[in-house]
Amino acid sequence: METVKGIWKPRRISELLTGVIDYRGKTPPKSSSGIPCISAANVKNGVVTIKDKYISEEPYTKWTTRGFIKPGDVLITTEAPVAEVAQVPGDQTYLITRRVMALQVDPDIADERFLKYILLDGDNKQKLANLAHGATVPRVYKEDILDCELLMPPLPSQHKIAAILSAYDDLIENNTRRIRILEEMAQTIYREWFVHFRFPGHEGVRMVDSGTELGIIPEGWEVNHLVEVCHLLMGQSPKSEFYNSDGEGLPFHQGVTDFGNRFPTHTKYCTVENRVAEQSDILFSVRAPVGRINL
């Protein structure tokens, strides 16, 4: 396939690698501390998010008989979910579990960062997802992944593309870290002011019994039920025949964190009197899971 920037050639994934680390069929012994384990649940949208899963030092050495993953190796999930991709972080030692494979890239043939990005491409993710077997728990086999073809540019072009995309990823990560710090600061201020009542000028405020389960509160403050200070509006899921993906109607807020890309048009769901959320309204999830909040 010839492109404006040069020639992109189809290459099997197996041709780009020096090795594959695969611990399918093995479950590591659990520990409350030690070396973090990367499972399929930790790999999503190009990023590894570590949770509370560890293996202690001694079992780690005995368990890793099929090889050790290294920083930069491309991770791909083989089951629940299929075809999520990220790279092994370089901050410490990690272990992959049975639903994750580590692709060790040959640096003379491919850029490991570029391989991650091209596997994250929607078409390629779908190509891998289409290789999955099983209806209840879809899984994709190692051989099918390695046999999958990708269009690869020359190595110098891979380096340039990967460098540009990595710079954007670094910027996103830095901004995400700043946002996380600001959110933690906001929560700390909230607790100080509205839980411990150590707000500016609190020294001169008298504390009184609220007469409720909330106990002592600053004088002049009130205890109200939520319904007394808010208009509460329960959401509703439109029937499938009323959806479209063309942008006709109102965007459907499918949960608190996932607004989706579906649009209902029926007047039953699209009038202000019924289920419409306006700008700055507070969204609160009431099931699966309960308590998530957004604006």
Protein backbone atom coordinates (compact mmCIF):
# COMPACT_ATOMS: atom_id res chain seq x y z
CA MET A 1 0.00 0.00 0.00
CA GLU A 2 1.62 3.24 -1.14
CA THR A 3 0.95 6.40 0.84
CA VAL A 4 1.98 10.04 0.58
CA LYS A 5 4.81 9.56 3.07
CA GLY A 6 6.22 6.37 1.65
CA ILE A 7 5.49 2.69 1.43
CA TRP A 8 3.53 0.91 4.16
CA LYS A 9 3.92 -2.85 3.98
CA PRO A 10 1.76 -5.57 5.55
CA ARG A 11 3.72 -7.43 8.23
CA ARG A 12 2.60 -10.22 10.52
CA ILE A 13 2.95 -9.33 14.17
CA SER A 14 5.19 -12.37 14.64
CA GLU A 15 7.67 -10.85 12.15
CA LEU A 16 8.12 -7.77 14.36
CA LEU A 17 9.09 -9.61 17.53
CA THR A 18 12.04 -11.23 19.24
CA GLY A 19 9.79 -13.10 21.65
CA VAL A 20 6.44 -13.43 23.41
CA ILE A 21 5.84 -13.80 27.15
CA ASP A 22 2.62 -15.67 27.79
CA TYR A 23 1.43 -17.10 31.11
CA ARG A 24 -1.98 -18.29 29.99
CA GLY A 25 -3.23 -21.19 32.07
CA LYS A 26 -1.28 -20.13 35.16
CA THR A 27 -2.56 -18.12 38.12
CA PRO A 28 0.09 -16.59 40.42
CA PRO A 29 -0.18 -17.00 44.20
CA LYS A 30 -1.67 -13.85 45.72
CA SER A 31 0.05 -11.60 48.22
CA SER A 32 -0.87 -8.37 50.01
CA SER A 33 2.40 -6.76 48.94
CA GLY A 34 5.42 -7.33 46.73
CA ILE A 35 5.61 -7.21 42.94
CA PRO A 36 2.51 -5.74 41.22
CA CYS A 37 0.60 -8.04 38.88
CA ILE A 38 -0.81 -6.77 35.58
CA SER A 39 -4.06 -8.50 34.67
CA ALA A 40 -6.42 -7.82 31.77
CA ALA A 41 -8.41 -5.49 34.02
CA ASN A 42 -5.30 -3.28 34.42
CA VAL A 43 -4.84 -2.67 30.68
CA LYS A 44 -7.14 -0.14 29.04
CA ASN A 45 -6.90 2.60 26.39
CA GLY A 46 -3.13 2.39 26.12
CA VAL A 47 -2.48 2.72 29.85
CA VAL A 48 -1.62 0.31 32.69
CA THR A 49 -3.47 1.08 35.94
CA ILE A 50 -2.19 -0.97 38.86
CA LYS A 51 -4.60 -2.21 41.52
CA ASP A 52 -4.11 -4.26 44.69
CA LYS A 53 -2.77 -7.47 43.15
CA TYR A 54 0.73 -8.62 44.10
CA ILE A 55 3.05 -11.61 44.18
CA SER A 56 5.78 -11.84 46.83
CA GLU A 57 9.47 -11.94 45.87
CA GLU A 58 10.19 -15.66 46.41
CA PRO A 59 7.25 -17.11 44.43
CA TYR A 60 7.90 -14.55 41.67
CA THR A 61 11.31 -16.04 40.84
CA LYS A 62 9.95 -19.60 40.81
CA TRP A 63 6.78 -18.66 38.90
CA THR A 64 8.32 -16.76 35.99
CA THR A 65 9.63 -19.80 34.15
CA ARG A 66 8.48 -18.54 30.73
CA GLY A 67 10.55 -15.38 30.80
CA PHE A 68 10.49 -11.88 32.25
CA ILE A 69 8.69 -8.90 30.80
CA LYS A 70 10.70 -5.69 30.44
CA PRO A 71 9.82 -1.97 30.27
CA GLY A 72 8.36 -1.03 26.91
CA ASP A 73 7.07 -4.49 26.03
CA VAL A 74 3.68 -4.21 24.32
CA LEU A 75 0.90 -5.79 26.37
CA ILE A 76 -2.23 -7.15 24.73
CA THR A 77 -5.19 -8.71 26.51
CA THR A 78 -6.45 -12.05 25.25
CA GLU A 79 -9.66 -12.39 27.29
CA ALA A 80 -12.20 -10.31 29.19
CA PRO A 81 -11.60 -7.90 27.51
CA VAL A 82 -9.99 -8.77 24.18
CA ALA A 83 -7.42 -6.57 22.38
CA GLU A 84 -6.76 -3.89 24.99
CA VAL A 85 -3.20 -2.63 24.54
CA ALA A 86 -0.57 -0.79 26.63
CA GLN A 87 3.16 -0.90 27.38
CA VAL A 88 4.96 -2.22 30.45
CA PRO A 89 5.81 0.79 32.66
CA GLY A 90 9.47 1.36 33.47
CA ASP A 91 9.17 2.40 37.10
CA GLN A 92 9.51 -1.06 38.70
CA THR A 93 9.28 -4.83 38.18
CA TYR A 94 5.90 -6.22 37.12
CA LEU A 95 4.33 -9.62 36.51
CA ILE A 96 1.70 -10.35 33.88
CA THR A 97 -1.09 -12.82 34.59
CA ARG A 98 -2.80 -15.38 32.42
CA ARG A 99 -5.04 -13.10 30.30
CA VAL A 100 -2.23 -10.82 29.11
CA MET A 101 0.55 -11.39 26.57
CA ALA A 102 3.76 -9.34 26.32
CA LEU A 103 5.08 -8.73 22.80
CA GLN A 104 8.83 -8.12 22.81
CA VAL A 105 9.61 -6.00 19.77
CA ASP A 106 12.71 -6.30 17.57
CA PRO A 107 14.15 -2.74 17.57
CA ASP A 108 15.75 -3.31 14.16
CA ILE A 109 12.31 -3.87 12.61
CA ALA A 110 9.73 -1.95 14.63
CA ASP A 111 9.31 0.80 17.21
CA GLU A 112 7.52 -0.68 20.25
CA ARG A 113 5.69 2.62 20.85
CA PHE A 114 4.47 2.62 17.26
CA LEU A 115 3.28 -0.98 17.59
CA LYS A 116 1.24 0.05 20.63
CA TYR A 117 -0.36 2.96 18.76
CA ILE A 118 -1.16 0.98 15.64
CA LEU A 119 -2.75 -1.77 17.75
CA LEU A 120 -4.83 0.91 19.46
CA ASP A 121 -6.20 2.00 16.10
CA GLY A 122 -9.93 1.29 15.93
CA ASP A 123 -9.76 -0.83 12.78
CA ASN A 124 -6.94 -2.99 14.11
CA LYS A 125 -8.63 -3.42 17.50
CA GLN A 126 -11.75 -4.57 15.69
CA LYS A 127 -9.69 -6.92 13.52
CA LEU A 128 -8.28 -8.58 16.65
CA ALA A 129 -11.70 -8.63 18.34
CA ASN A 130 -13.11 -10.44 15.31
CA LEU A 131 -10.61 -13.24 15.92
CA ALA A 132 -12.13 -14.00 19.33
CA HIS A 133 -13.68 -17.39 20.08
CA GLY A 134 -16.41 -18.19 22.59
CA ALA A 135 -19.78 -16.56 23.20
CA THR A 136 -19.83 -16.35 27.00
CA VAL A 137 -16.21 -15.28 27.54
CA PRO A 138 -14.61 -14.24 24.21
CA ARG A 139 -10.90 -14.98 23.97
CA VAL A 140 -8.35 -14.67 21.22
CA TYR A 141 -5.60 -17.25 20.72
CA LYS A 142 -1.90 -16.45 20.73
CA GLU A 143 -1.40 -17.91 17.26
CA ASP A 144 -4.18 -15.74 15.80
CA ILE A 145 -2.66 -12.58 17.30
CA LEU A 146 0.80 -13.38 15.99
CA ASP A 147 -0.58 -14.20 12.54
CA CYS A 148 -2.50 -10.90 12.32
CA GLU A 149 -1.19 -8.51 9.64
CA LEU A 150 -0.58 -4.80 10.22
CA LEU A 151 0.39 -2.11 7.72
CA MET A 152 3.80 -0.85 8.85
CA PRO A 153 5.74 2.15 7.50
CA PRO A 154 9.56 2.18 7.29
CA LEU A 155 11.32 2.23 10.68
CA PRO A 156 12.36 5.95 10.52
CA SER A 157 8.70 6.89 9.94
CA GLN A 158 7.66 4.69 12.86
CA HIS A 159 10.09 6.56 15.13
CA LYS A 160 8.78 9.96 14.03
CA ILE A 161 5.10 9.02 14.40
CA ALA A 162 5.67 7.38 17.78
CA ALA A 163 7.62 10.41 19.06
CA ILE A 164 4.79 12.80 18.14
CA LEU A 165 2.07 10.63 19.69
CA SER A 166 4.15 9.95 22.80
CA ALA A 167 4.62 13.71 23.33
CA TYR A 168 0.84 14.13 23.33
CA ASP A 169 0.45 11.20 25.73
CA ASP A 170 3.02 12.73 28.09
CA LEU A 171 1.15 16.05 28.00
CA ILE A 172 -2.15 14.30 28.73
CA GLU A 173 -0.59 12.36 31.63
CA ASN A 174 0.92 15.53 33.12
CA ASN A 175 -2.42 17.35 32.90
CA THR A 176 -4.24 14.33 34.35
CA ARG A 177 -1.78 14.29 37.26
CA ARG A 178 -2.36 18.02 37.87
CA ILE A 179 -6.13 17.50 37.80
CA ARG A 180 -5.81 14.62 40.27
CA ILE A 181 -3.76 16.80 42.64
CA LEU A 182 -6.30 19.64 42.38
CA GLU A 183 -9.16 17.21 43.07
CA GLU A 184 -7.35 15.92 46.16
CA MET A 185 -6.80 19.50 47.33
CA ALA A 186 -10.51 20.28 46.80
CA GLN A 187 -11.52 17.20 48.81
CA THR A 188 -9.13 18.18 51.62
CA ILE A 189 -10.59 21.70 51.74
CA TYR A 190 -14.12 20.28 51.75
CA ARG A 191 -13.35 17.99 54.67
CA GLU A 192 -11.71 20.83 56.61
CA TRP A 193 -14.54 23.31 56.02
CA PHE A 194 -17.68 21.17 55.98
CA VAL A 195 -16.81 18.06 58.01
CA HIS A 196 -14.39 19.35 60.64
CA PHE A 197 -15.84 22.90 60.41
CA ARG A 198 -12.37 24.49 60.32
CA PHE A 199 -13.37 27.06 57.70
CA PRO A 200 -11.87 30.60 57.58
CA GLY A 201 -13.07 32.49 60.66
CA HIS A 202 -14.37 29.37 62.42
CA GLU A 203 -12.63 30.40 65.67
CA GLY A 204 -15.32 33.01 66.37
CA VAL A 205 -18.30 30.79 65.51
CA ARG A 206 -20.31 29.06 68.25
CA MET A 207 -21.13 25.37 67.75
CA VAL A 208 -24.68 24.18 68.50
CA ASP A 209 -26.53 20.86 68.50
CA SER A 210 -28.42 20.40 65.21
CA GLY A 211 -30.92 18.03 66.81
CA THR A 212 -30.24 15.53 64.02
CA GLU A 213 -27.89 12.60 63.44
CA LEU A 214 -25.37 15.11 62.07
CA GLY A 215 -24.72 16.30 65.62
CA ILE A 216 -22.92 19.56 66.32
CA ILE A 217 -22.89 22.23 63.57
CA PRO A 218 -21.89 25.92 63.41
CA GLU A 219 -24.52 28.33 64.68
CA GLY A 220 -26.55 29.76 61.80
CA TRP A 221 -26.17 26.63 59.64
CA GLU A 222 -29.20 24.50 58.79
CA VAL A 223 -29.78 20.81 58.22
CA ASN A 224 -32.01 20.15 55.20
CA HIS A 225 -33.07 17.12 53.23
CA LEU A 226 -31.79 17.03 49.68
CA VAL A 227 -35.29 17.32 48.25
CA GLU A 228 -35.70 20.66 50.08
CA VAL A 229 -32.82 22.30 48.21
CA CYS A 230 -32.88 20.47 44.87
CA HIS A 231 -35.28 19.44 42.15
CA LEU A 232 -34.74 15.70 41.81
CA LEU A 233 -35.20 14.14 38.37
CA MET A 234 -34.80 10.42 37.77
CA GLY A 235 -33.36 9.31 34.45
CA GLN A 236 -34.89 6.80 32.05
CA SER A 237 -33.51 4.71 29.22
CA PRO A 238 -35.39 5.21 25.93
CA LYS A 239 -36.48 2.17 23.96
CA SER A 240 -33.98 1.05 21.34
CA GLU A 241 -36.21 2.06 18.39
CA PHE A 242 -35.96 5.71 19.44
CA TYR A 243 -32.14 5.86 19.24
CA ASN A 244 -29.98 7.14 16.41
CA SER A 245 -26.25 7.84 16.04
CA ASP A 246 -26.60 10.73 13.56
CA GLY A 247 -26.90 13.49 16.13
CA GLU A 248 -30.66 13.95 15.69
CA GLY A 249 -32.41 14.84 18.96
CA LEU A 250 -30.69 15.19 22.33
CA PRO A 251 -27.48 13.40 23.42
CA PHE A 252 -28.22 10.51 25.76
CA HIS A 253 -26.25 10.61 29.02
CA GLN A 254 -25.70 6.89 29.45
CA GLY A 255 -24.55 6.89 33.04
CA VAL A 256 -22.48 9.41 34.96
CA THR A 257 -19.09 8.80 33.35
CA ASP A 258 -20.12 7.49 29.91
CA PHE A 259 -22.24 9.95 27.96
CA GLY A 260 -22.21 7.73 24.88
CA ASN A 261 -22.99 8.75 21.32
CA ARG A 262 -26.66 7.84 21.05
CA PHE A 263 -29.49 10.32 20.50
CA PRO A 264 -33.18 9.73 21.29
CA THR A 265 -35.77 11.73 19.30
CA HIS A 266 -39.12 10.74 20.80
CA THR A 267 -40.84 13.65 22.59
CA LYS A 268 -41.46 11.40 25.59
CA TYR A 269 -37.74 11.58 26.34
CA CYS A 270 -36.78 14.97 24.91
CA THR A 271 -38.94 17.57 26.67
CA VAL A 272 -37.75 19.77 29.51
CA GLU A 273 -40.58 18.53 31.72
CA ASN A 274 -39.31 14.97 31.55
CA ARG A 275 -35.71 13.77 31.42
CA VAL A 276 -33.57 16.70 30.30
CA ALA A 277 -30.41 17.71 32.22
CA GLU A 278 -29.30 21.31 31.83
CA GLN A 279 -25.80 22.76 32.03
CA SER A 280 -24.29 22.52 35.56
CA ASP A 281 -26.93 20.05 36.78
CA ILE A 282 -25.42 17.43 39.08
CA LEU A 283 -25.57 13.84 37.84
CA PHE A 284 -25.68 11.15 40.52
CA SER A 285 -25.63 7.42 39.75
CA VAL A 286 -28.24 5.41 41.67
CA ARG A 287 -27.33 1.92 40.48
CA ALA A 288 -24.39 -0.13 39.20
CA PRO A 289 -22.48 1.57 40.78
CA VAL A 290 -24.11 3.91 43.29
CA GLY A 291 -22.68 7.30 44.19
CA ARG A 292 -20.71 8.47 41.15
CA ILE A 293 -21.09 12.20 40.54
CA ASN A 294 -20.54 14.46 37.56
CA LEU A 295 -21.76 17.77 36.13
